Amino acid sequence: MLVDDPGVADDREGGTSSEVDGSVGAGNEATGGRGAGGTTGNGSGTGGLFGSTGASDGGAGTNAGGMDAGSTSGGAPDGTGGSAGAPAELDCATARPSSSSLDLKYQVDVDDLPLISEIHGDLVLSEGVNRLHRLGCLRHVTGTVTIRYTRNLPTLEGLERLESIAAALTIQNNDTLASMTGLQGLKTVDGPLNISSNLRLADLGGLESLTAARSGIQIENNPVLASLAGLRNLTGTGAVTLKSNPALRNLQGLEGVNQLANLLVFGNAKLESFEGLSALETIHQDLTIGSNAVLTSIDGLSALRAIDQNLMISNNPELTSIDGLSSLERIHYGLEITTNPKLPTCEAEELRVRTGVPEAFVMDNDDSATCL
């Protein structure tokens, strides 16, 4: 990282150095500052059997810990101070923007940072990072934030001042992360929000201030994630993918969303209901509901009136009713309801007629059941 003295640059293998504008606080040594710049990203689409796309995601992350700038005693280099081991309070008046991306793989990389108010680029936190308090003055990131492959990062504490991310937020493959605590100040993510493959993530507590993830949400392969309630103030997003979260029981937390680009709910082994989507009125592309082992109804979709492309409902072995779609008036392109052995075929046929869908494929449901 470069500070005011260009002679203190410390190059790191695999990344470019990062520049922080202005000076750092008194007592924060310039020699030993580290910073690697880099960007990473990924993209994934979800849609349905008719080929429309879903949410995409990109990556970059955030990180902190370390001594208070301006502190010369009383704080350990790992960002703790005093006998109680609490993080030293940061003097954010001395924080300056970073003019380039930061790619931080080890805790020492975080601890050696000057105080940063804004990152003009991407932030990536990975591998050996385990404390984020050194990033406690960070308010804005103009690129992506990616937190991935950390081995011992149980919370995101230290990022409480972070308010906005101009591109994607990706939280992926973190071994010990148990919640989103630390992101209480985050209000907007202008790119997609991707939360996937976090072994111990049980809920999304900490995201309660988030009102917009404008390019969509992808929540996938989180083995103990049981609740989306941390998203309860979300009102604006694009496509939503909820896939292979075996502990998720309902969709509470999405009550503020009234329209989506796509909605894919697939392979959630304990999902019992669509409770939480009571405000959803319009899906501009596809609704896909598939392979949810214990789902018996979709009553939470009672406000849904229009699907502008396709509706697919398939391979839900316990689904007995689609009466939750009683307000649905229009499916613009295609309807596919297949291999739901307990779902009365007559309900699927009634939906086909009522919505006037031009193309329909209904088979391998319960042909013996009757409808009133």
Protein backbone atom coordinates (compact mmCIF):
# COMPACT_ATOMS: atom_id res chain seq x y z
CA MET A 1 0.00 0.00 0.00
CA LEU A 2 1.29 3.51 -0.72
CA VAL A 3 0.93 6.31 1.79
CA ASP A 4 2.36 9.81 1.56
CA ASP A 5 5.94 8.53 1.40
CA PRO A 6 6.33 6.53 -1.83
CA GLY A 7 9.36 4.82 -0.38
CA VAL A 8 7.34 2.62 1.96
CA ALA A 9 5.58 0.52 -0.65
CA ASP A 10 5.52 -3.15 0.22
CA ASP A 11 4.78 -5.33 -2.78
CA ARG A 12 2.98 -8.61 -2.22
CA GLU A 13 2.96 -11.65 -4.40
CA GLY A 14 -0.25 -12.09 -6.36
CA GLY A 15 -1.66 -8.58 -6.03
CA THR A 16 -1.08 -4.95 -6.81
CA SER A 17 -0.36 -2.35 -4.17
CA SER A 18 -3.13 -0.10 -2.88
CA GLU A 19 -2.87 3.65 -2.41
CA VAL A 20 -4.51 5.51 0.44
CA ASP A 21 -4.97 9.22 -0.14
CA GLY A 22 -3.79 11.56 2.54
CA SER A 23 -1.92 10.80 5.73
CA VAL A 24 -2.54 8.27 8.47
CA GLY A 25 -2.96 9.04 12.16
CA ALA A 26 -0.03 9.75 14.42
CA GLY A 27 1.72 6.69 15.66
CA ASN A 28 0.51 4.46 12.81
CA GLU A 29 3.79 3.42 11.23
CA ALA A 30 3.96 3.77 7.46
CA THR A 31 6.62 1.10 7.15
CA GLY A 32 4.98 -2.30 7.07
CA GLY A 33 1.72 -1.20 5.49
CA ARG A 34 0.48 -3.92 3.23
CA GLY A 35 -2.25 -4.00 0.67
CA ALA A 36 -2.98 -5.95 -2.42
CA GLY A 37 -5.41 -4.83 -5.00
CA GLY A 38 -7.45 -7.22 -7.01
CA THR A 39 -10.90 -7.98 -8.20
CA THR A 40 -12.75 -11.18 -8.36
CA GLY A 41 -16.22 -12.05 -9.44
CA ASN A 42 -18.51 -14.74 -10.56
CA GLY A 43 -21.81 -14.89 -12.27
CA SER A 44 -24.58 -17.39 -12.07
CA GLY A 45 -27.99 -17.42 -13.57
CA THR A 46 -31.17 -18.99 -12.46
CA GLY A 47 -34.23 -19.34 -14.47
CA GLY A 48 -36.37 -22.21 -15.49
CA LEU A 49 -37.07 -24.83 -18.04
CA PHE A 50 -38.05 -22.20 -20.58
CA GLY A 51 -34.58 -20.69 -20.59
CA SER A 52 -34.87 -17.29 -18.95
CA THR A 53 -32.08 -16.12 -16.72
CA GLY A 54 -32.05 -15.37 -13.03
CA ALA A 55 -29.81 -13.66 -10.54
CA SER A 56 -26.19 -13.08 -11.27
CA ASP A 57 -23.55 -12.49 -8.71
CA GLY A 58 -20.18 -10.97 -8.44
CA GLY A 59 -17.66 -10.99 -5.72
CA ALA A 60 -15.52 -8.90 -3.49
CA GLY A 61 -15.28 -8.59 0.31
CA THR A 62 -14.29 -6.68 3.42
CA ASN A 63 -11.99 -6.95 6.32
CA ALA A 64 -10.60 -5.29 9.45
CA GLY A 65 -8.70 -5.54 12.73
CA GLY A 66 -5.56 -3.99 14.14
CA MET A 67 -4.18 -1.16 16.26
CA ASP A 68 -5.85 2.20 16.38
CA ALA A 69 -4.10 4.73 14.19
CA GLY A 70 -2.55 7.19 16.52
CA SER A 71 -2.14 4.64 19.31
CA THR A 72 1.34 3.92 20.55
CA SER A 73 0.51 1.87 23.62
CA GLY A 74 -2.23 -0.09 25.31
CA GLY A 75 -3.36 -1.99 22.24
CA ALA A 76 -2.19 -5.30 20.89
CA PRO A 77 -1.26 -5.54 17.19
CA ASP A 78 -4.29 -7.73 16.61
CA GLY A 79 -6.66 -4.81 17.19
CA THR A 80 -7.42 -5.45 20.83
CA GLY A 81 -6.76 -3.05 23.66
CA GLY A 82 -6.92 -3.15 27.41
CA SER A 83 -7.27 -6.10 29.70
CA ALA A 84 -10.71 -7.01 28.40
CA GLY A 85 -9.40 -7.52 24.87
CA ALA A 86 -11.98 -5.20 23.29
CA PRO A 87 -11.05 -3.58 19.95
CA ALA A 88 -9.31 -0.24 20.34
CA GLU A 89 -11.60 2.67 19.40
CA LEU A 90 -10.70 4.11 16.02
CA ASP A 91 -10.21 7.81 15.35
CA CYS A 92 -12.19 7.93 12.11
CA ALA A 93 -11.51 11.65 11.70
CA THR A 94 -8.09 10.60 10.41
CA ALA A 95 -9.45 8.04 7.94
CA ARG A 96 -8.74 8.58 4.24
CA PRO A 97 -10.06 6.98 1.03
CA SER A 98 -8.17 4.19 -0.70
CA SER A 99 -7.73 4.94 -4.39
CA SER A 100 -7.49 1.30 -5.44
CA SER A 101 -8.74 -2.18 -4.60
CA LEU A 102 -7.72 -4.19 -1.55
CA ASP A 103 -7.18 -7.95 -1.60
CA LEU A 104 -6.51 -9.09 1.97
CA LYS A 105 -5.64 -12.73 2.64
CA TYR A 106 -3.97 -12.64 6.06
CA GLN A 107 -4.73 -10.91 9.33
CA VAL A 108 -1.45 -9.01 9.24
CA ASP A 109 -2.57 -7.45 5.95
CA VAL A 110 -5.60 -6.07 7.75
CA ASP A 111 -3.76 -4.99 10.87
CA ASP A 112 -1.23 -2.97 8.87
CA LEU A 113 -3.85 -0.89 7.05
CA PRO A 114 -4.20 2.81 7.73
CA LEU A 115 -7.72 3.89 8.59
CA ILE A 116 -9.87 3.89 5.45
CA SER A 117 -13.12 5.78 4.90
CA GLU A 118 -13.90 4.62 1.36
CA ILE A 119 -12.52 2.15 -1.15
CA HIS A 120 -12.45 3.22 -4.80
CA GLY A 121 -12.43 -0.29 -6.16
CA ASP A 122 -13.06 -3.76 -4.75
CA LEU A 123 -12.55 -5.26 -1.32
CA VAL A 124 -11.69 -8.95 -0.96
CA LEU A 125 -11.28 -10.68 2.42
CA SER A 126 -10.22 -14.31 2.45
CA GLU A 127 -8.29 -17.21 3.99
CA GLY A 128 -6.50 -16.12 7.18
CA VAL A 129 -8.51 -12.99 7.95
CA ASN A 130 -10.30 -13.36 11.30
CA ARG A 131 -10.96 -9.80 12.61
CA LEU A 132 -12.37 -6.81 10.76
CA HIS A 133 -12.14 -4.04 13.35
CA ARG A 134 -9.37 -2.23 11.48
CA LEU A 135 -11.97 -1.51 8.77
CA GLY A 136 -14.19 0.19 11.32
CA CYS A 137 -14.14 3.57 9.55
CA LEU A 138 -15.16 2.22 6.15
CA ARG A 139 -18.44 3.70 4.85
CA HIS A 140 -18.51 3.12 1.10
CA VAL A 141 -17.08 0.73 -1.48
CA THR A 142 -17.39 1.74 -5.12
CA GLY A 143 -16.79 -1.78 -6.43
CA THR A 144 -17.55 -5.25 -5.11
CA VAL A 145 -17.14 -6.68 -1.63
CA THR A 146 -16.23 -10.35 -1.35
CA ILE A 147 -15.76 -12.32 1.86
CA ARG A 148 -14.77 -15.87 0.95
CA TYR A 149 -12.85 -18.95 2.03
CA THR A 150 -12.16 -17.63 5.52
CA ARG A 151 -11.29 -20.27 8.07
CA ASN A 152 -11.89 -18.46 11.35
CA LEU A 153 -14.13 -15.42 10.85
CA PRO A 154 -17.20 -15.97 13.08
CA THR A 155 -18.81 -12.53 12.57
CA LEU A 156 -18.44 -9.42 10.43
CA GLU A 157 -18.03 -7.16 13.45
CA GLY A 158 -15.98 -4.13 12.54
CA LEU A 159 -17.98 -3.20 9.45
CA GLU A 160 -20.76 -1.42 11.33
CA ARG A 161 -20.14 1.91 9.53
CA LEU A 162 -20.37 0.41 6.05
CA GLU A 163 -23.43 1.95 4.38
CA SER A 164 -23.27 1.19 0.67
CA ILE A 165 -21.67 -1.11 -1.89
CA ALA A 166 -21.85 0.05 -5.49
CA ALA A 167 -21.55 -3.43 -7.01
CA ALA A 168 -21.91 -6.98 -5.65
CA LEU A 169 -21.70 -8.32 -2.11
CA THR A 170 -20.56 -11.95 -2.05
CA ILE A 171 -20.26 -13.96 1.17
CA GLN A 172 -19.16 -17.43 0.21
CA ASN A 173 -17.46 -20.55 1.57
CA ASN A 174 -16.72 -19.26 5.06
CA ASP A 175 -16.13 -22.08 7.55
CA THR A 176 -17.11 -20.40 10.85
CA LEU A 177 -19.29 -17.41 9.89
CA ALA A 178 -22.49 -17.73 11.96
CA SER A 179 -24.36 -14.49 11.19
CA MET A 180 -24.17 -11.18 9.35
CA THR A 181 -23.57 -9.30 12.61
CA GLY A 182 -21.43 -6.30 11.77
CA LEU A 183 -23.38 -5.21 8.69
CA GLN A 184 -26.06 -3.35 10.66
CA GLY A 185 -25.30 -0.09 8.85
CA LEU A 186 -25.50 -1.50 5.32
CA LYS A 187 -28.44 0.04 3.44
CA THR A 188 -27.85 -0.59 -0.27
CA VAL A 189 -26.09 -3.09 -2.49
CA ASP A 190 -26.33 -1.90 -6.08
CA GLY A 191 -25.22 -5.24 -7.50
CA PRO A 192 -26.33 -8.74 -6.52
CA LEU A 193 -26.20 -10.19 -3.01
CA ASN A 194 -24.76 -13.71 -3.01
CA ILE A 195 -24.70 -15.75 0.22
CA SER A 196 -23.61 -19.31 -0.44
CA SER A 197 -21.85 -22.34 1.04
CA ASN A 198 -21.32 -20.95 4.54
CA LEU A 199 -21.18 -24.00 6.80
CA ARG A 200 -22.33 -22.43 10.09
CA LEU A 201 -24.50 -19.53 8.93
CA ALA A 202 -27.79 -19.98 10.82
CA ASP A 203 -29.56 -16.70 10.06
CA LEU A 204 -29.14 -13.34 8.33
CA GLY A 205 -29.27 -11.24 11.47
CA GLY A 206 -27.25 -8.08 10.88
CA LEU A 207 -28.82 -7.20 7.52
CA GLU A 208 -31.86 -5.51 9.02
CA SER A 209 -30.95 -2.08 7.57
CA LEU A 210 -30.65 -3.40 4.02
CA THR A 211 -33.43 -1.97 1.85
CA ALA A 212 -32.13 -2.73 -1.64
CA ALA A 213 -30.07 -5.40 -3.39
CA ARG A 214 -30.85 -4.06 -6.81
CA SER A 215 -29.48 -6.83 -9.02
CA GLY A 216 -30.95 -9.73 -7.10
CA ILE A 217 -30.29 -12.18 -4.28
CA GLN A 218 -28.83 -15.66 -4.45
CA ILE A 219 -28.88 -17.74 -1.24
CA GLU A 220 -27.62 -21.24 -1.90
CA ASN A 221 -26.05 -24.26 -0.20
CA ASN A 222 -26.05 -22.96 3.36
CA PRO A 223 -26.56 -26.16 5.37
CA VAL A 224 -27.86 -24.68 8.67
CA LEU A 225 -29.53 -21.48 7.44
CA ALA A 226 -33.00 -21.59 9.01
CA SER A 227 -34.26 -18.01 8.61
CA LEU A 228 -34.30 -15.09 6.16
CA ALA A 229 -35.76 -12.74 8.78
CA GLY A 230 -32.73 -10.45 8.64
CA LEU A 231 -33.96 -9.27 5.22
CA ARG A 232 -37.24 -7.99 6.62
CA ASN A 233 -36.68 -4.36 5.52
CA LEU A 234 -35.75 -5.27 1.97
CA THR A 235 -38.10 -3.65 -0.54
CA GLY A 236 -36.18 -3.60 -3.80
CA THR A 237 -34.37 -6.41 -5.58
CA GLY A 238 -34.22 -8.25 -8.90
CA ALA A 239 -34.12 -12.02 -9.20
CA VAL A 240 -34.24 -14.19 -6.07
CA THR A 241 -32.75 -17.67 -5.95
CA LEU A 242 -33.22 -19.86 -2.86
CA LYS A 243 -31.59 -23.17 -3.58
CA SER A 244 -30.37 -26.13 -1.52
CA ASN A 245 -30.73 -24.60 1.94
CA PRO A 246 -31.77 -27.77 3.83
CA ALA A 247 -32.73 -26.08 7.13
CA LEU A 248 -34.89 -23.27 5.66
CA ARG A 249 -38.57 -23.69 6.66
CA ASN A 250 -40.30 -20.59 5.25
CA LEU A 251 -39.61 -17.35 3.41
CA GLN A 252 -40.30 -14.89 6.21
CA GLY A 253 -38.11 -11.86 5.71
CA LEU A 254 -39.27 -11.11 2.17
CA GLU A 255 -42.54 -9.44 3.22
CA GLY A 256 -41.54 -6.05 1.79
CA VAL A 257 -40.96 -7.28 -1.77
CA ASN A 258 -43.84 -6.68 -4.20
CA GLN A 259 -42.17 -7.49 -7.51
CA LEU A 260 -39.27 -9.63 -8.73
CA ALA A 261 -37.51 -10.37 -11.97
CA ASN A 262 -37.33 -14.12 -11.25
CA LEU A 263 -38.09 -16.34 -8.30
CA LEU A 264 -36.50 -19.78 -8.06
CA VAL A 265 -37.15 -21.94 -4.98
CA PHE A 266 -35.46 -25.28 -5.48
CA GLY A 267 -34.15 -28.17 -3.42
CA ASN A 268 -34.88 -26.82 0.07
CA ALA A 269 -35.43 -30.05 1.96
CA LYS A 270 -37.38 -28.66 4.96
CA LEU A 271 -39.27 -25.81 3.30
CA GLU A 272 -42.84 -26.08 4.53
CA SER A 273 -44.49 -22.97 3.11
CA PHE A 274 -44.08 -19.79 1.08
CA GLU A 275 -45.02 -17.69 4.09
CA GLY A 276 -43.22 -14.36 3.75
CA LEU A 277 -44.19 -13.51 0.16
CA SER A 278 -47.60 -12.07 0.94
CA ALA A 279 -46.82 -8.74 -0.80
CA LEU A 280 -45.48 -10.22 -4.04
CA GLU A 281 -47.74 -9.17 -6.94
CA THR A 282 -45.65 -9.46 -10.12
CA ILE A 283 -42.85 -11.67 -11.42
CA HIS A 284 -41.44 -10.21 -14.62
CA GLN A 285 -39.87 -13.41 -15.87
CA ASP A 286 -40.13 -16.91 -14.33
CA LEU A 287 -41.42 -18.55 -11.18
CA THR A 288 -39.79 -21.95 -10.59
CA ILE A 289 -40.73 -24.21 -7.66
CA GLY A 290 -38.99 -27.56 -7.70
CA SER A 291 -37.72 -30.47 -5.61
CA ASN A 292 -38.82 -29.17 -2.21
CA ALA A 293 -39.29 -32.42 -0.30
CA VAL A 294 -41.88 -31.43 2.36
CA LEU A 295 -43.63 -28.47 0.73
CA THR A 296 -47.40 -29.04 0.92
CA SER A 297 -48.80 -25.74 -0.38
CA ILE A 298 -47.81 -22.37 -1.81
CA ASP A 299 -50.36 -20.31 0.11
CA GLY A 300 -47.90 -17.48 0.72
CA LEU A 301 -48.30 -16.40 -2.93
CA SER A 302 -51.89 -15.26 -2.51
CA ALA A 303 -51.17 -11.72 -3.80
CA LEU A 304 -49.43 -12.82 -7.00
CA ARG A 305 -51.35 -11.60 -10.06
CA ALA A 306 -49.00 -11.81 -13.03
CA ILE A 307 -46.08 -13.89 -14.30
CA ASP A 308 -44.74 -12.30 -17.45
CA GLN A 309 -42.98 -15.40 -18.75
CA ASN A 310 -43.20 -18.94 -17.33
CA LEU A 311 -44.42 -20.89 -14.31
CA MET A 312 -42.77 -24.24 -13.49
CA ILE A 313 -43.83 -26.47 -10.58
CA SER A 314 -42.19 -29.88 -10.55
CA ASN A 315 -40.94 -32.73 -8.38
CA ASN A 316 -42.51 -31.62 -5.11
CA PRO A 317 -43.55 -34.99 -3.62
CA GLU A 318 -45.79 -33.64 -0.80
CA LEU A 319 -47.43 -30.75 -2.65
CA THR A 320 -51.19 -31.20 -2.37
CA SER A 321 -52.52 -27.81 -3.47
CA ILE A 322 -51.73 -24.76 -5.58
CA ASP A 323 -54.72 -22.80 -4.27
CA GLY A 324 -52.21 -20.21 -3.14
CA LEU A 325 -52.17 -19.01 -6.75
CA SER A 326 -55.87 -18.15 -6.65
CA SER A 327 -55.17 -14.48 -7.49
CA LEU A 328 -52.97 -15.28 -10.48
CA GLU A 329 -54.59 -13.82 -13.58
CA ARG A 330 -51.92 -14.06 -16.27
CA ILE A 331 -49.03 -16.28 -17.36
CA HIS A 332 -47.69 -14.79 -20.55
CA TYR A 333 -45.73 -17.69 -22.12
CA GLY A 334 -45.65 -21.15 -20.59
CA LEU A 335 -46.94 -23.37 -17.79
CA GLU A 336 -45.28 -26.61 -16.69
CA ILE A 337 -46.68 -28.61 -13.76
CA THR A 338 -45.16 -32.08 -13.64
CA THR A 339 -44.30 -34.91 -11.26
CA ASN A 340 -46.12 -33.72 -8.18
CA PRO A 341 -47.73 -37.05 -7.23
CA LYS A 342 -50.15 -35.65 -4.61
CA LEU A 343 -51.23 -32.55 -6.54
CA PRO A 344 -54.65 -32.91 -8.19
CA THR A 345 -54.32 -32.62 -11.96
CA CYS A 346 -57.64 -30.78 -12.01
CA GLU A 347 -56.09 -27.88 -10.04
CA ALA A 348 -53.36 -27.54 -12.65
CA GLU A 349 -55.92 -27.61 -15.44
CA GLU A 350 -58.04 -24.98 -13.72
CA LEU A 351 -54.98 -22.73 -13.47
CA ARG A 352 -54.23 -23.26 -17.16
CA VAL A 353 -57.70 -22.20 -18.18
CA ARG A 354 -57.93 -19.24 -15.81
CA THR A 355 -54.63 -17.67 -16.84
CA GLY A 356 -55.04 -18.25 -20.57
CA VAL A 357 -51.46 -19.43 -20.89
CA PRO A 358 -50.63 -20.18 -24.56
CA GLU A 359 -48.42 -23.20 -23.87
CA ALA A 360 -49.00 -25.75 -21.10
CA PHE A 361 -47.46 -29.07 -20.10
CA VAL A 362 -49.25 -30.92 -17.28
CA MET A 363 -48.42 -34.52 -16.45
CA ASP A 364 -47.54 -37.04 -13.73
CA ASN A 365 -49.63 -35.39 -11.06
CA ASP A 366 -52.62 -36.97 -9.22
CA ASP A 367 -55.12 -37.78 -11.98
CA SER A 368 -57.47 -39.57 -9.58
CA ALA A 369 -58.16 -36.58 -7.31
CA THR A 370 -61.27 -34.46 -7.75
CA CYS A 371 -61.73 -30.71 -7.43
CA LEU A 372 -64.73 -28.80 -6.12
